[in-house]
Amino acid sequence: MVETAPYEEIRRIDKVEIREYPAIILATVRGNRNPFRLLFQYISGNNRSNRKISMTTPVITPEKIEMTSPVINREDAMSFVLPSKYTIETAPIPSDEKVTIEELPPRKVAAIRFRGYARNNNIEKHTAELLEILGKEGIQVKGTPIIMRYNAPYTPGFMRRNEVAVEID
C-alpha cells in the first residue's frame, strides 16, 4: 500500500473538497526536461545515504496555463511527497543538485477529483470548474493551480485518480 499525503476534509462544495494539509516534505525538480527521472532516481537511492525511499502520492506538478499577462507563475516543476517519517532534517540529501528538499507549510486547499488521464483538455475542464465554484462562493485563491496524480503510469485510465487543486485563503 502506498502512503498518501494526509489531509482533513473540512468542507465540501458541490464536487470541490476544502482540505487542510499539515506540513509535508517534498523532493522537487524545477526547470528540467525530465523531472520524473531525477526524482525516481532520488527515491531509488541516488542520495548521499544511498537510501531507498518508498513512493508516496500524490505526484505534484503545476498546471501549465497558456501564456498571458501578467505572468504569475510559469515554473516547470515536479514534486514527490516524501513519506511522513521524514522531516526536513532527516530526509536523505540528494546526490543530484537539481533535486531539492523543501517543506511545504500547513495550508488550506480546494481540490476537485477526476478520473482518466491527466491530459490538457481534462485538466483545463476541471480547473475551470474548480475556479468557477470557488468564485461563486467568494473564496480567494492563492497561487497557481496544481495537478496531483495518484497512480502508477501503467494504471488504466478508468482507474486513475487525479485532482486539480489550488491553495485558498
Protein backbone atom coordinates (compact mmCIF):
# COMPACT_ATOMS: atom_id res chain seq x y z
CA MET A 1 0.00 0.00 0.00
CA VAL A 2 1.35 3.42 -1.00
CA GLU A 3 1.33 6.20 1.61
CA THR A 4 -0.73 9.25 0.64
CA ALA A 5 -0.17 12.76 1.98
CA PRO A 6 -2.62 13.18 4.87
CA TYR A 7 -5.32 15.85 4.92
CA GLU A 8 -8.57 16.60 6.66
CA GLU A 9 -11.65 17.43 4.60
CA ILE A 10 -13.26 20.38 6.36
CA ARG A 11 -15.97 21.27 3.86
CA ARG A 12 -17.50 20.17 0.59
CA ILE A 13 -18.96 22.48 -2.04
CA ASP A 14 -20.53 20.51 -4.88
CA LYS A 15 -17.59 18.47 -6.30
CA VAL A 16 -14.94 20.56 -4.51
CA GLU A 17 -13.28 19.38 -1.29
CA ILE A 18 -11.85 22.02 1.02
CA ARG A 19 -8.92 20.41 2.82
CA GLU A 20 -6.40 21.23 5.48
CA TYR A 21 -2.97 19.74 4.94
CA PRO A 22 -0.26 19.57 7.60
CA ALA A 23 3.31 20.48 6.68
CA ILE A 24 4.71 17.98 4.17
CA ILE A 25 8.21 17.34 2.88
CA LEU A 26 8.77 17.40 -0.88
CA ALA A 27 11.56 16.35 -3.19
CA THR A 28 11.31 18.78 -6.12
CA VAL A 29 12.92 19.29 -9.51
CA ARG A 30 12.44 22.61 -11.33
CA GLY A 31 13.20 23.62 -14.89
CA ASN A 32 14.27 20.21 -16.15
CA ARG A 33 13.02 18.31 -19.19
CA ASN A 34 12.69 15.02 -17.30
CA PRO A 35 11.96 15.75 -13.64
CA PHE A 36 10.29 12.36 -13.08
CA ARG A 37 13.51 10.52 -13.92
CA LEU A 38 15.56 12.62 -11.48
CA LEU A 39 13.01 12.22 -8.69
CA PHE A 40 12.70 8.48 -9.31
CA GLN A 41 16.50 8.15 -9.16
CA TYR A 42 16.48 10.07 -5.87
CA ILE A 43 13.94 7.74 -4.21
CA SER A 44 15.70 4.73 -5.75
CA GLY A 45 18.85 5.51 -3.77
CA ASN A 46 20.60 8.31 -5.68
CA ASN A 47 21.10 10.26 -2.47
CA ARG A 48 24.08 10.70 -0.17
CA SER A 49 22.98 7.90 2.17
CA ASN A 50 22.14 5.53 -0.74
CA ARG A 51 18.78 5.00 0.96
CA LYS A 52 15.73 3.81 -0.98
CA ILE A 53 12.62 5.84 -0.19
CA SER A 54 9.09 4.50 -0.53
CA MET A 55 6.99 6.01 -3.29
CA THR A 56 4.11 8.12 -1.97
CA THR A 57 1.22 10.00 -3.53
CA PRO A 58 0.37 12.37 -4.97
CA VAL A 59 2.96 13.41 -7.54
CA ILE A 60 2.53 17.18 -7.82
CA THR A 61 3.02 19.43 -10.85
CA PRO A 62 1.89 23.00 -11.51
CA GLU A 63 -0.81 23.33 -14.12
CA LYS A 64 0.60 24.56 -17.39
CA ILE A 65 -1.51 27.56 -18.35
CA GLU A 66 -1.29 29.37 -21.69
CA MET A 67 0.95 32.43 -21.53
CA THR A 68 -0.95 35.56 -20.52
CA SER A 69 -0.08 38.88 -18.98
CA PRO A 70 0.82 39.37 -16.21
CA VAL A 71 2.83 36.23 -15.70
CA ILE A 72 2.19 34.97 -12.17
CA ASN A 73 3.89 31.60 -12.21
CA ARG A 74 5.38 29.79 -15.21
CA GLU A 75 7.54 27.40 -13.22
CA ASP A 76 8.00 23.92 -14.63
CA ALA A 77 8.38 21.63 -11.65
CA MET A 78 7.51 18.22 -10.31
CA SER A 79 7.45 17.12 -6.69
CA PHE A 80 7.27 13.81 -4.90
CA VAL A 81 5.79 13.84 -1.41
CA LEU A 82 8.20 12.07 0.92
CA PRO A 83 6.92 9.55 3.47
CA SER A 84 5.64 11.12 6.69
CA LYS A 85 8.53 9.65 8.72
CA TYR A 86 10.87 12.25 7.17
CA THR A 87 11.40 15.82 8.29
CA ILE A 88 13.39 18.50 6.50
CA GLU A 89 16.34 17.48 8.71
CA THR A 90 16.06 13.70 8.25
CA ALA A 91 15.24 13.43 4.52
CA PRO A 92 18.13 11.89 2.58
CA ILE A 93 20.27 14.57 0.95
CA PRO A 94 20.05 14.35 -2.87
CA SER A 95 23.18 13.45 -4.79
CA ASP A 96 21.93 15.48 -7.77
CA GLU A 97 21.80 19.23 -7.13
CA LYS A 98 18.73 19.50 -9.39
CA VAL A 99 16.70 17.73 -6.68
CA THR A 100 15.83 19.94 -3.73
CA ILE A 101 14.19 19.03 -0.43
CA GLU A 102 11.65 21.51 0.86
CA GLU A 103 8.96 21.76 3.48
CA LEU A 104 5.52 22.84 2.35
CA PRO A 105 3.90 24.59 5.33
CA PRO A 106 0.41 23.72 6.54
CA ARG A 107 -2.19 25.04 4.13
CA LYS A 108 -5.81 25.07 3.11
CA VAL A 109 -6.50 23.71 -0.37
CA ALA A 110 -9.54 23.34 -2.61
CA ALA A 111 -9.45 20.23 -4.83
CA ILE A 112 -11.63 18.65 -7.48
CA ARG A 113 -11.12 14.99 -8.38
CA PHE A 114 -11.35 13.38 -11.81
CA ARG A 115 -10.70 10.00 -13.40
CA GLY A 116 -8.86 9.21 -16.60
CA TYR A 117 -5.61 10.55 -17.94
CA ALA A 118 -4.44 13.99 -16.79
CA ARG A 119 -4.29 15.42 -20.30
CA ASN A 120 -4.60 19.11 -21.14
CA ASN A 121 -8.30 19.02 -22.08
CA ASN A 122 -9.20 17.15 -18.88
CA ILE A 123 -7.04 19.42 -16.74
CA GLU A 124 -8.39 22.61 -18.31
CA LYS A 125 -12.00 21.46 -17.90
CA HIS A 126 -11.59 20.61 -14.23
CA THR A 127 -9.51 23.71 -13.46
CA ALA A 128 -12.23 25.92 -14.94
CA GLU A 129 -14.88 24.06 -12.93
CA LEU A 130 -12.87 24.37 -9.70
CA LEU A 131 -12.22 28.09 -10.15
CA GLU A 132 -15.84 28.77 -11.13
CA ILE A 133 -17.18 27.04 -7.99
CA LEU A 134 -14.70 28.87 -5.77
CA GLY A 135 -15.54 32.19 -7.45
CA LYS A 136 -19.28 31.70 -6.89
CA GLU A 137 -18.56 31.03 -3.21
CA GLY A 138 -16.33 34.11 -2.92
CA ILE A 139 -13.31 32.00 -1.96
CA GLN A 140 -9.98 33.65 -2.82
CA VAL A 141 -7.27 31.50 -4.40
CA LYS A 142 -3.55 31.87 -3.72
CA GLY A 143 -1.05 30.96 -6.40
CA THR A 144 -1.33 28.69 -9.38
CA PRO A 145 -3.45 25.52 -9.61
CA ILE A 146 -1.53 22.26 -9.34
CA ILE A 147 -2.14 18.77 -10.67
CA MET A 148 -1.97 15.87 -8.23
CA ARG A 149 -1.60 12.37 -9.68
CA TYR A 150 -2.11 9.30 -7.52
CA ASN A 151 -1.40 6.30 -9.75
CA ALA A 152 1.47 4.49 -11.39
CA PRO A 153 1.97 5.23 -15.11
CA TYR A 154 0.69 1.77 -16.09
CA THR A 155 -2.69 2.19 -14.33
CA PRO A 156 -5.60 2.06 -16.82
CA GLY A 157 -7.28 5.43 -17.35
CA PHE A 158 -10.64 4.46 -15.86
CA MET A 159 -8.88 3.54 -12.59
CA ARG A 160 -6.77 6.70 -12.29
CA ARG A 161 -7.28 9.32 -9.59
CA ASN A 162 -6.22 12.84 -10.46
CA GLU A 163 -7.00 16.17 -8.87
CA VAL A 164 -6.71 19.83 -9.72
CA ALA A 165 -6.09 21.81 -6.55
CA VAL A 166 -5.30 25.35 -5.51
CA GLU A 167 -4.32 26.94 -2.23
CA ILE A 168 -7.04 29.16 -0.78
CA ASP A 169 -7.34 31.80 1.96
